[in-house]
Amino acid sequence: IIEREGIWALWRGCNAAVIRILPYSATTFGTYSTYNAALARVFNIAPDNAAATKHRGDNEKSPPLGDWRTRFAAGAMAGATATVLTYPLDLLHARLAAHSS
């Protein structure tokens, strides 16, 4: 690839990857707390942000974690939402990487 198309061919499609990663991360971070709070209400469990005020452990250096089930499910749902919304950008990244312009 380097001999035929030059060193910059190794980064073909990189701009599209960056354009996809930014909205993916923003969507994941933006929807996680919403999903976590909704699941906490459904299961009557303190969400992560409420766990910080209830943390009274012996070791104050340990982080307040909340319930692992709501964190796991909220993370999975946030990741799925971000994937569905940014899949067209992933397709664009693959096509730009495969075809030189």
PDB file of N, CA and C in Angstrom:
ATOM      1  N   ILE A   1       0.836  -1.192   0.000  1.00  0.00           N
ATOM      2  CA  ILE A   1       0.000   0.000   0.000  1.00  0.00           C
ATOM      3  C   ILE A   1       0.873   1.245   0.000  1.00  0.00           C
ATOM      4  N   ILE A   2       1.918   1.238   0.825  1.00  0.00           N
ATOM      5  CA  ILE A   2       2.773   2.431   0.924  1.00  0.00           C
ATOM      6  C   ILE A   2       3.493   2.687  -0.391  1.00  0.00           C
ATOM      7  N   GLU A   3       4.001   1.641  -1.025  1.00  0.00           N
ATOM      8  CA  GLU A   3       4.724   1.820  -2.285  1.00  0.00           C
ATOM      9  C   GLU A   3       3.804   2.283  -3.408  1.00  0.00           C
ATOM     10  N   ARG A   4       2.604   1.751  -3.440  1.00  0.00           N
ATOM     11  CA  ARG A   4       1.698   2.050  -4.542  1.00  0.00           C
ATOM     12  C   ARG A   4       0.928   3.349  -4.345  1.00  0.00           C
ATOM     13  N   GLU A   5       0.447   3.609  -3.088  1.00  0.00           N
ATOM     14  CA  GLU A   5      -0.421   4.762  -2.872  1.00  0.00           C
ATOM     15  C   GLU A   5       0.156   5.804  -1.928  1.00  0.00           C
ATOM     16  N   GLY A   6       1.261   5.494  -1.293  1.00  0.00           N
ATOM     17  CA  GLY A   6       1.874   6.451  -0.379  1.00  0.00           C
ATOM     18  C   GLY A   6       1.483   6.188   1.065  1.00  0.00           C
ATOM     19  N   ILE A   7       2.191   6.830   1.965  1.00  0.00           N
ATOM     20  CA  ILE A   7       1.998   6.614   3.394  1.00  0.00           C
ATOM     21  C   ILE A   7       0.613   7.047   3.869  1.00  0.00           C
ATOM     22  N   TRP A   8       0.042   8.076   3.246  1.00  0.00           N
ATOM     23  CA  TRP A   8      -1.258   8.597   3.684  1.00  0.00           C
ATOM     24  C   TRP A   8      -2.391   7.629   3.397  1.00  0.00           C
ATOM     25  N   ALA A   9      -2.172   6.642   2.543  1.00  0.00           N
ATOM     26  CA  ALA A   9      -3.205   5.639   2.262  1.00  0.00           C
ATOM     27  C   ALA A   9      -3.517   4.801   3.501  1.00  0.00           C
ATOM     28  N   LEU A  10      -2.581   4.723   4.433  1.00  0.00           N
ATOM     29  CA  LEU A  10      -2.821   3.973   5.667  1.00  0.00           C
ATOM     30  C   LEU A  10      -3.882   4.635   6.539  1.00  0.00           C
ATOM     31  N   TRP A  11      -4.094   5.921   6.349  1.00  0.00           N
ATOM     32  CA  TRP A  11      -5.088   6.656   7.140  1.00  0.00           C
ATOM     33  C   TRP A  11      -6.370   6.934   6.361  1.00  0.00           C
ATOM     34  N   ARG A  12      -6.571   6.242   5.253  1.00  0.00           N
ATOM     35  CA  ARG A  12      -7.773   6.448   4.466  1.00  0.00           C
ATOM     36  C   ARG A  12      -8.986   6.051   5.301  1.00  0.00           C
ATOM     37  N   GLY A  13      -9.951   6.902   5.404  1.00  0.00           N
ATOM     38  CA  GLY A  13     -11.153   6.633   6.186  1.00  0.00           C
ATOM     39  C   GLY A  13     -11.052   7.040   7.638  1.00  0.00           C
ATOM     40  N   CYS A  14      -9.916   7.572   8.050  1.00  0.00           N
ATOM     41  CA  CYS A  14      -9.731   7.958   9.452  1.00  0.00           C
ATOM     42  C   CYS A  14     -10.660   9.102   9.850  1.00  0.00           C
ATOM     43  N   ASN A  15     -10.840  10.067   8.969  1.00  0.00           N
ATOM     44  CA  ASN A  15     -11.735  11.189   9.282  1.00  0.00           C
ATOM     45  C   ASN A  15     -13.156  10.704   9.551  1.00  0.00           C
ATOM     46  N   ALA A  16     -13.610   9.748   8.760  1.00  0.00           N
ATOM     47  CA  ALA A  16     -14.950   9.208   8.972  1.00  0.00           C
ATOM     48  C   ALA A  16     -15.030   8.452  10.296  1.00  0.00           C
ATOM     49  N   ALA A  17     -13.948   7.794  10.687  1.00  0.00           N
ATOM     50  CA  ALA A  17     -13.936   7.086  11.970  1.00  0.00           C
ATOM     51  C   ALA A  17     -14.040   8.072  13.124  1.00  0.00           C
ATOM     52  N   VAL A  18     -13.317   9.168  13.023  1.00  0.00           N
ATOM     53  CA  VAL A  18     -13.380  10.185  14.078  1.00  0.00           C
ATOM     54  C   VAL A  18     -14.767  10.814  14.116  1.00  0.00           C
ATOM     55  N   ILE A  19     -15.335  11.062  12.946  1.00  0.00           N
ATOM     56  CA  ILE A  19     -16.682  11.636  12.875  1.00  0.00           C
ATOM     57  C   ILE A  19     -17.712  10.673  13.478  1.00  0.00           C
ATOM     58  N   ARG A  20     -17.466   9.357  13.373  1.00  0.00           N
ATOM     59  CA  ARG A  20     -18.374   8.375  13.963  1.00  0.00           C
ATOM     60  C   ARG A  20     -18.165   8.251  15.468  1.00  0.00           C
ATOM     61  N   ILE A  21     -16.940   8.294  15.927  1.00  0.00           N
ATOM     62  CA  ILE A  21     -16.640   8.079  17.341  1.00  0.00           C
ATOM     63  C   ILE A  21     -17.188   9.213  18.209  1.00  0.00           C
ATOM     64  N   LEU A  22     -17.107  10.437  17.748  1.00  0.00           N
ATOM     65  CA  LEU A  22     -17.589  11.563  18.557  1.00  0.00           C
ATOM     66  C   LEU A  22     -19.083  11.461  18.876  1.00  0.00           C
ATOM     67  N   PRO A  23     -19.969  11.281  17.895  1.00  0.00           N
ATOM     68  CA  PRO A  23     -21.382  11.148  18.260  1.00  0.00           C
ATOM     69  C   PRO A  23     -21.675   9.852  19.016  1.00  0.00           C
ATOM     70  N   TYR A  24     -20.916   8.785  18.737  1.00  0.00           N
ATOM     71  CA  TYR A  24     -21.116   7.528  19.468  1.00  0.00           C
ATOM     72  C   TYR A  24     -20.846   7.734  20.958  1.00  0.00           C
ATOM     73  N   SER A  25     -19.723   8.351  21.267  1.00  0.00           N
ATOM     74  CA  SER A  25     -19.372   8.580  22.669  1.00  0.00           C
ATOM     75  C   SER A  25     -20.349   9.547  23.327  1.00  0.00           C
ATOM     76  N   ALA A  26     -20.713  10.600  22.630  1.00  0.00           N
ATOM     77  CA  ALA A  26     -21.649  11.571  23.191  1.00  0.00           C
ATOM     78  C   ALA A  26     -23.008  10.925  23.465  1.00  0.00           C
ATOM     79  N   THR A  27     -23.471  10.079  22.552  1.00  0.00           N
ATOM     80  CA  THR A  27     -24.747   9.397  22.746  1.00  0.00           C
ATOM     81  C   THR A  27     -24.673   8.424  23.915  1.00  0.00           C
ATOM     82  N   THR A  28     -23.574   7.688  24.016  1.00  0.00           N
ATOM     83  CA  THR A  28     -23.412   6.736  25.115  1.00  0.00           C
ATOM     84  C   THR A  28     -23.425   7.456  26.451  1.00  0.00           C
ATOM     85  N   PHE A  29     -22.620   8.495  26.581  1.00  0.00           N
ATOM     86  CA  PHE A  29     -22.561   9.227  27.845  1.00  0.00           C
ATOM     87  C   PHE A  29     -23.877   9.943  28.142  1.00  0.00           C
ATOM     88  N   GLY A  30     -24.531  10.452  27.117  1.00  0.00           N
ATOM     89  CA  GLY A  30     -25.777  11.185  27.326  1.00  0.00           C
ATOM     90  C   GLY A  30     -26.951  10.303  27.704  1.00  0.00           C
ATOM     91  N   THR A  31     -26.986   9.078  27.190  1.00  0.00           N
ATOM     92  CA  THR A  31     -28.128   8.215  27.474  1.00  0.00           C
ATOM     93  C   THR A  31     -27.917   7.312  28.681  1.00  0.00           C
ATOM     94  N   TYR A  32     -26.676   7.093  29.095  1.00  0.00           N
ATOM     95  CA  TYR A  32     -26.423   6.183  30.221  1.00  0.00           C
ATOM     96  C   TYR A  32     -27.141   6.620  31.494  1.00  0.00           C
ATOM     97  N   SER A  33     -26.996   7.860  31.880  1.00  0.00           N
ATOM     98  CA  SER A  33     -27.605   8.310  33.135  1.00  0.00           C
ATOM     99  C   SER A  33     -29.132   8.303  33.045  1.00  0.00           C
ATOM    100  N   THR A  34     -29.666   8.581  31.864  1.00  0.00           N
ATOM    101  CA  THR A  34     -31.118   8.528  31.684  1.00  0.00           C
ATOM    102  C   THR A  34     -31.627   7.098  31.854  1.00  0.00           C
ATOM    103  N   TYR A  35     -30.954   6.157  31.197  1.00  0.00           N
ATOM    104  CA  TYR A  35     -31.343   4.757  31.332  1.00  0.00           C
ATOM    105  C   TYR A  35     -31.139   4.263  32.771  1.00  0.00           C
ATOM    106  N   ASN A  36     -30.045   4.652  33.392  1.00  0.00           N
ATOM    107  CA  ASN A  36     -29.764   4.217  34.758  1.00  0.00           C
ATOM    108  C   ASN A  36     -30.841   4.711  35.718  1.00  0.00           C
ATOM    109  N   ALA A  37     -31.233   5.964  35.597  1.00  0.00           N
ATOM    110  CA  ALA A  37     -32.268   6.514  36.469  1.00  0.00           C
ATOM    111  C   ALA A  37     -33.619   5.845  36.213  1.00  0.00           C
ATOM    112  N   ALA A  38     -33.937   5.582  34.944  1.00  0.00           N
ATOM    113  CA  ALA A  38     -35.208   4.923  34.623  1.00  0.00           C
ATOM    114  C   ALA A  38     -35.248   3.502  35.181  1.00  0.00           C
ATOM    115  N   LEU A  39     -34.154   2.766  35.019  1.00  0.00           N
ATOM    116  CA  LEU A  39     -34.107   1.404  35.553  1.00  0.00           C
ATOM    117  C   LEU A  39     -34.158   1.403  37.079  1.00  0.00           C
ATOM    118  N   ALA A  40     -33.514   2.375  37.698  1.00  0.00           N
ATOM    119  CA  ALA A  40     -33.543   2.462  39.152  1.00  0.00           C
ATOM    120  C   ALA A  40     -34.961   2.712  39.647  1.00  0.00           C
ATOM    121  N   ARG A  41     -35.716   3.547  38.924  1.00  0.00           N
ATOM    122  CA  ARG A  41     -37.118   3.778  39.306  1.00  0.00           C
ATOM    123  C   ARG A  41     -37.958   2.516  39.131  1.00  0.00           C
ATOM    124  N   VAL A  42     -37.744   1.798  38.041  1.00  0.00           N
ATOM    125  CA  VAL A  42     -38.514   0.592  37.767  1.00  0.00           C
ATOM    126  C   VAL A  42     -38.265  -0.470  38.842  1.00  0.00           C
ATOM    127  N   PHE A  43     -36.999  -0.648  39.228  1.00  0.00           N
ATOM    128  CA  PHE A  43     -36.656  -1.684  40.188  1.00  0.00           C
ATOM    129  C   PHE A  43     -36.560  -1.168  41.622  1.00  0.00           C
ATOM    130  N   ASN A  44     -36.901   0.100  41.827  1.00  0.00           N
ATOM    131  CA  ASN A  44     -36.873   0.716  43.153  1.00  0.00           C
ATOM    132  C   ASN A  44     -35.490   0.594  43.809  1.00  0.00           C
ATOM    133  N   ILE A  45     -34.468   0.973  43.043  1.00  0.00           N
ATOM    134  CA  ILE A  45     -33.076   0.922  43.479  1.00  0.00           C
ATOM    135  C   ILE A  45     -32.497   2.324  43.335  1.00  0.00           C
ATOM    136  N   ALA A  46     -31.569   2.678  44.225  1.00  0.00           N
ATOM    137  CA  ALA A  46     -30.926   3.994  44.128  1.00  0.00           C
ATOM    138  C   ALA A  46     -30.045   4.051  42.891  1.00  0.00           C
ATOM    139  N   PRO A  47     -30.218   5.059  42.030  1.00  0.00           N
ATOM    140  CA  PRO A  47     -29.333   5.199  40.867  1.00  0.00           C
ATOM    141  C   PRO A  47     -27.925   5.589  41.305  1.00  0.00           C
ATOM    142  N   ASP A  48     -26.985   5.539  40.365  1.00  0.00           N
ATOM    143  CA  ASP A  48     -25.582   5.831  40.684  1.00  0.00           C
ATOM    144  C   ASP A  48     -25.400   7.187  41.339  1.00  0.00           C
ATOM    145  N   ASN A  49     -26.087   8.210  40.842  1.00  0.00           N
ATOM    146  CA  ASN A  49     -25.888   9.544  41.397  1.00  0.00           C
ATOM    147  C   ASN A  49     -26.418   9.632  42.822  1.00  0.00           C
ATOM    148  N   ALA A  50     -27.476   8.869  43.159  1.00  0.00           N
ATOM    149  CA  ALA A  50     -27.983   8.857  44.523  1.00  0.00           C
ATOM    150  C   ALA A  50     -27.096   8.011  45.435  1.00  0.00           C
ATOM    151  N   ALA A  51     -26.377   7.045  44.869  1.00  0.00           N
ATOM    152  CA  ALA A  51     -25.495   6.203  45.673  1.00  0.00           C
ATOM    153  C   ALA A  51     -24.353   7.022  46.257  1.00  0.00           C
ATOM    154  N   ALA A  52     -23.960   8.091  45.582  1.00  0.00           N
ATOM    155  CA  ALA A  52     -22.862   8.928  46.086  1.00  0.00           C
ATOM    156  C   ALA A  52     -23.241   9.591  47.403  1.00  0.00           C
ATOM    157  N   THR A  53     -24.498   9.955  47.565  1.00  0.00           N
ATOM    158  CA  THR A  53     -24.915  10.598  48.812  1.00  0.00           C
ATOM    159  C   THR A  53     -25.133   9.576  49.923  1.00  0.00           C
ATOM    160  N   LYS A  54     -25.364   8.311  49.574  1.00  0.00           N
ATOM    161  CA  LYS A  54     -25.604   7.274  50.574  1.00  0.00           C
ATOM    162  C   LYS A  54     -24.325   6.540  50.984  1.00  0.00           C
ATOM    163  N   HIS A  55     -23.190   6.827  50.335  1.00  0.00           N
ATOM    164  CA  HIS A  55     -21.954   6.100  50.601  1.00  0.00           C
ATOM    165  C   HIS A  55     -21.421   6.457  51.988  1.00  0.00           C
ATOM    166  N   ARG A  56     -21.393   5.473  52.880  1.00  0.00           N
ATOM    167  CA  ARG A  56     -20.894   5.681  54.236  1.00  0.00           C
ATOM    168  C   ARG A  56     -19.997   4.522  54.657  1.00  0.00           C
ATOM    169  N   GLY A  57     -19.201   3.996  53.749  1.00  0.00           N
ATOM    170  CA  GLY A  57     -18.365   2.840  54.046  1.00  0.00           C
ATOM    171  C   GLY A  57     -17.189   3.186  54.936  1.00  0.00           C
ATOM    172  N   ASP A  58     -16.528   2.146  55.454  1.00  0.00           N
ATOM    173  CA  ASP A  58     -15.352   2.340  56.297  1.00  0.00           C
ATOM    174  C   ASP A  58     -14.196   2.920  55.493  1.00  0.00           C
ATOM    175  N   ASN A  59     -14.076   2.501  54.266  1.00  0.00           N
ATOM    176  CA  ASN A  59     -13.004   2.976  53.415  1.00  0.00           C
ATOM    177  C   ASN A  59     -13.554   4.069  52.503  1.00  0.00           C
ATOM    178  N   GLU A  60     -13.372   5.314  52.878  1.00  0.00           N
ATOM    179  CA  GLU A  60     -13.947   6.425  52.126  1.00  0.00           C
ATOM    180  C   GLU A  60     -13.271   6.641  50.776  1.00  0.00           C
ATOM    181  N   LYS A  61     -12.162   5.920  50.513  1.00  0.00           N
ATOM    182  CA  LYS A  61     -11.502   6.046  49.217  1.00  0.00           C
ATOM    183  C   LYS A  61     -12.199   5.202  48.154  1.00  0.00           C
ATOM    184  N   SER A  62     -13.028   4.258  48.554  1.00  0.00           N
ATOM    185  CA  SER A  62     -13.716   3.419  47.576  1.00  0.00           C
ATOM    186  C   SER A  62     -14.849   4.218  46.939  1.00  0.00           C
ATOM    187  N   PRO A  63     -15.037   4.059  45.639  1.00  0.00           N
ATOM    188  CA  PRO A  63     -16.075   4.850  44.961  1.00  0.00           C
ATOM    189  C   PRO A  63     -17.463   4.312  45.250  1.00  0.00           C
ATOM    190  N   PRO A  64     -18.463   5.184  45.298  1.00  0.00           N
ATOM    191  CA  PRO A  64     -19.842   4.715  45.417  1.00  0.00           C
ATOM    192  C   PRO A  64     -20.298   4.123  44.091  1.00  0.00           C
ATOM    193  N   LEU A  65     -20.813   2.925  44.095  1.00  0.00           N
ATOM    194  CA  LEU A  65     -21.106   2.250  42.846  1.00  0.00           C
ATOM    195  C   LEU A  65     -22.583   2.111  42.517  1.00  0.00           C
ATOM    196  N   GLY A  66     -23.463   2.146  43.497  1.00  0.00           N
ATOM    197  CA  GLY A  66     -24.861   1.897  43.191  1.00  0.00           C
ATOM    198  C   GLY A  66     -25.078   0.419  42.927  1.00  0.00           C
ATOM    199  N   ASP A  67     -26.103   0.089  42.199  1.00  0.00           N
ATOM    200  CA  ASP A  67     -26.428  -1.304  41.932  1.00  0.00           C
ATOM    201  C   ASP A  67     -25.801  -1.756  40.620  1.00  0.00           C
ATOM    202  N   TRP A  68     -25.131  -2.892  40.612  1.00  0.00           N
ATOM    203  CA  TRP A  68     -24.426  -3.366  39.418  1.00  0.00           C
ATOM    204  C   TRP A  68     -25.399  -3.743  38.304  1.00  0.00           C
ATOM    205  N   ARG A  69     -26.596  -4.192  38.657  1.00  0.00           N
ATOM    206  CA  ARG A  69     -27.552  -4.598  37.622  1.00  0.00           C
ATOM    207  C   ARG A  69     -28.031  -3.407  36.800  1.00  0.00           C
ATOM    208  N   THR A  70     -28.317  -2.298  37.475  1.00  0.00           N
ATOM    209  CA  THR A  70     -28.764  -1.124  36.721  1.00  0.00           C
ATOM    210  C   THR A  70     -27.620  -0.539  35.908  1.00  0.00           C
ATOM    211  N   ARG A  71     -26.405  -0.553  36.447  1.00  0.00           N
ATOM    212  CA  ARG A  71     -25.252  -0.053  35.684  1.00  0.00           C
ATOM    213  C   ARG A  71     -25.010  -0.894  34.440  1.00  0.00           C
ATOM    214  N   PHE A  72     -25.083  -2.219  34.605  1.00  0.00           N
ATOM    215  CA  PHE A  72     -24.856  -3.115  33.476  1.00  0.00           C
ATOM    216  C   PHE A  72     -25.915  -2.919  32.396  1.00  0.00           C
ATOM    217  N   ALA A  73     -27.175  -2.933  32.799  1.00  0.00           N
ATOM    218  CA  ALA A  73     -28.265  -2.791  31.829  1.00  0.00           C
ATOM    219  C   ALA A  73     -28.257  -1.405  31.185  1.00  0.00           C
ATOM    220  N   ALA A  74     -28.000  -0.367  31.979  1.00  0.00           N
ATOM    221  CA  ALA A  74     -27.952   0.986  31.421  1.00  0.00           C
ATOM    222  C   ALA A  74     -26.798   1.127  30.438  1.00  0.00           C
ATOM    223  N   GLY A  75     -25.667   0.537  30.740  1.00  0.00           N
ATOM    224  CA  GLY A  75     -24.530   0.573  29.813  1.00  0.00           C
ATOM    225  C   GLY A  75     -24.811  -0.159  28.518  1.00  0.00           C
ATOM    226  N   ALA A  76     -25.463  -1.319  28.629  1.00  0.00           N
ATOM    227  CA  ALA A  76     -25.819  -2.078  27.425  1.00  0.00           C
ATOM    228  C   ALA A  76     -26.824  -1.312  26.573  1.00  0.00           C
ATOM    229  N   MET A  77     -27.815  -0.717  27.218  1.00  0.00           N
ATOM    230  CA  MET A  77     -28.823   0.041  26.482  1.00  0.00           C
ATOM    231  C   MET A  77     -28.229   1.295  25.852  1.00  0.00           C
ATOM    232  N   ALA A  78     -27.340   1.974  26.567  1.00  0.00           N
ATOM    233  CA  ALA A  78     -26.694   3.172  26.014  1.00  0.00           C
ATOM    234  C   ALA A  78     -25.812   2.802  24.827  1.00  0.00           C
ATOM    235  N   GLY A  79     -25.082   1.701  24.937  1.00  0.00           N
ATOM    236  CA  GLY A  79     -24.248   1.247  23.824  1.00  0.00           C
ATOM    237  C   GLY A  79     -25.076   0.856  22.614  1.00  0.00           C
ATOM    238  N   ALA A  80     -26.194   0.175  22.855  1.00  0.00           N
ATOM    239  CA  ALA A  80     -27.068  -0.216  21.742  1.00  0.00           C
ATOM    240  C   ALA A  80     -27.674   1.008  21.065  1.00  0.00           C
ATOM    241  N   THR A  81     -28.089   1.983  21.853  1.00  0.00           N
ATOM    242  CA  THR A  81     -28.652   3.210  21.285  1.00  0.00           C
ATOM    243  C   THR A  81     -27.611   3.927  20.429  1.00  0.00           C
ATOM    244  N   ALA A  82     -26.398   4.050  20.958  1.00  0.00           N
ATOM    245  CA  ALA A  82     -25.338   4.736  20.210  1.00  0.00           C
ATOM    246  C   ALA A  82     -24.983   3.986  18.936  1.00  0.00           C
ATOM    247  N   THR A  83     -24.983   2.661  18.993  1.00  0.00           N
ATOM    248  CA  THR A  83     -24.663   1.870  17.803  1.00  0.00           C
ATOM    249  C   THR A  83     -25.716   2.046  16.724  1.00  0.00           C
ATOM    250  N   VAL A  84     -26.968   1.999  17.107  1.00  0.00           N
ATOM    251  CA  VAL A  84     -28.053   2.159  16.131  1.00  0.00           C
ATOM    252  C   VAL A  84     -27.994   3.545  15.476  1.00  0.00           C
ATOM    253  N   LEU A  85     -27.719   4.562  16.278  1.00  0.00           N
ATOM    254  CA  LEU A  85     -27.717   5.927  15.743  1.00  0.00           C
ATOM    255  C   LEU A  85     -26.487   6.235  14.893  1.00  0.00           C
ATOM    256  N   THR A  86     -25.363   5.579  15.162  1.00  0.00           N
ATOM    257  CA  THR A  86     -24.136   5.911  14.432  1.00  0.00           C
ATOM    258  C   THR A  86     -23.733   4.855  13.408  1.00  0.00           C
ATOM    259  N   TYR A  87     -24.543   3.824  13.205  1.00  0.00           N
ATOM    260  CA  TYR A  87     -24.199   2.793  12.224  1.00  0.00           C
ATOM    261  C   TYR A  87     -24.004   3.345  10.810  1.00  0.00           C
ATOM    262  N   PRO A  88     -24.830   4.288  10.350  1.00  0.00           N
ATOM    263  CA  PRO A  88     -24.576   4.840   9.011  1.00  0.00           C
ATOM    264  C   PRO A  88     -23.185   5.480   8.889  1.00  0.00           C
ATOM    265  N   LEU A  89     -22.707   6.091   9.956  1.00  0.00           N
ATOM    266  CA  LEU A  89     -21.362   6.662   9.907  1.00  0.00           C
ATOM    267  C   LEU A  89     -20.303   5.568   9.862  1.00  0.00           C
ATOM    268  N   ASP A  90     -20.555   4.424  10.490  1.00  0.00           N
ATOM    269  CA  ASP A  90     -19.630   3.298  10.432  1.00  0.00           C
ATOM    270  C   ASP A  90     -19.575   2.730   9.016  1.00  0.00           C
ATOM    271  N   LEU A  91     -20.718   2.678   8.359  1.00  0.00           N
ATOM    272  CA  LEU A  91     -20.762   2.231   6.970  1.00  0.00           C
ATOM    273  C   LEU A  91     -19.963   3.180   6.077  1.00  0.00           C
ATOM    274  N   LEU A  92     -20.103   4.470   6.313  1.00  0.00           N
ATOM    275  CA  LEU A  92     -19.326   5.465   5.569  1.00  0.00           C
ATOM    276  C   LEU A  92     -17.832   5.257   5.795  1.00  0.00           C
ATOM    277  N   HIS A  93     -17.437   4.989   7.024  1.00  0.00           N
ATOM    278  CA  HIS A  93     -16.033   4.741   7.343  1.00  0.00           C
ATOM    279  C   HIS A  93     -15.514   3.535   6.584  1.00  0.00           C
ATOM    280  N   ALA A  94     -16.275   2.451   6.538  1.00  0.00           N
ATOM    281  CA  ALA A  94     -15.851   1.251   5.837  1.00  0.00           C
ATOM    282  C   ALA A  94     -15.714   1.494   4.333  1.00  0.00           C
ATOM    283  N   ARG A  95     -16.645   2.230   3.774  1.00  0.00           N
ATOM    284  CA  ARG A  95     -16.585   2.488   2.331  1.00  0.00           C
ATOM    285  C   ARG A  95     -15.425   3.425   1.977  1.00  0.00           C
ATOM    286  N   LEU A  96     -15.168   4.416   2.820  1.00  0.00           N
ATOM    287  CA  LEU A  96     -14.028   5.294   2.543  1.00  0.00           C
ATOM    288  C   LEU A  96     -12.709   4.557   2.699  1.00  0.00           C
ATOM    289  N   ALA A  97     -12.634   3.621   3.627  1.00  0.00           N
ATOM    290  CA  ALA A  97     -11.422   2.863   3.809  1.00  0.00           C
ATOM    291  C   ALA A  97     -11.198   1.894   2.648  1.00  0.00           C
ATOM    292  N   ALA A  98     -12.272   1.376   2.064  1.00  0.00           N
ATOM    293  CA  ALA A  98     -12.156   0.390   1.001  1.00  0.00           C
ATOM    294  C   ALA A  98     -11.902   1.000  -0.381  1.00  0.00           C
ATOM    295  N   HIS A  99     -12.393   2.208  -0.595  1.00  0.00           N
ATOM    296  CA  HIS A  99     -12.284   2.827  -1.914  1.00  0.00           C
ATOM    297  C   HIS A  99     -11.452   4.100  -1.827  1.00  0.00           C
ATOM    298  N   SER A 100     -10.470   4.183  -2.658  1.00  0.00           N
ATOM    299  CA  SER A 100      -9.689   5.423  -2.682  1.00  0.00           C
ATOM    300  C   SER A 100     -10.413   6.441  -3.550  1.00  0.00           C
ATOM    301  N   SER A 101     -10.241   7.703  -3.193  1.00  0.00           N
ATOM    302  CA  SER A 101     -10.922   8.737  -3.967  1.00  0.00           C
ATOM    303  C   SER A 101      -9.944   9.555  -4.748  1.00  0.00           C
TER     304      SER A 101
END
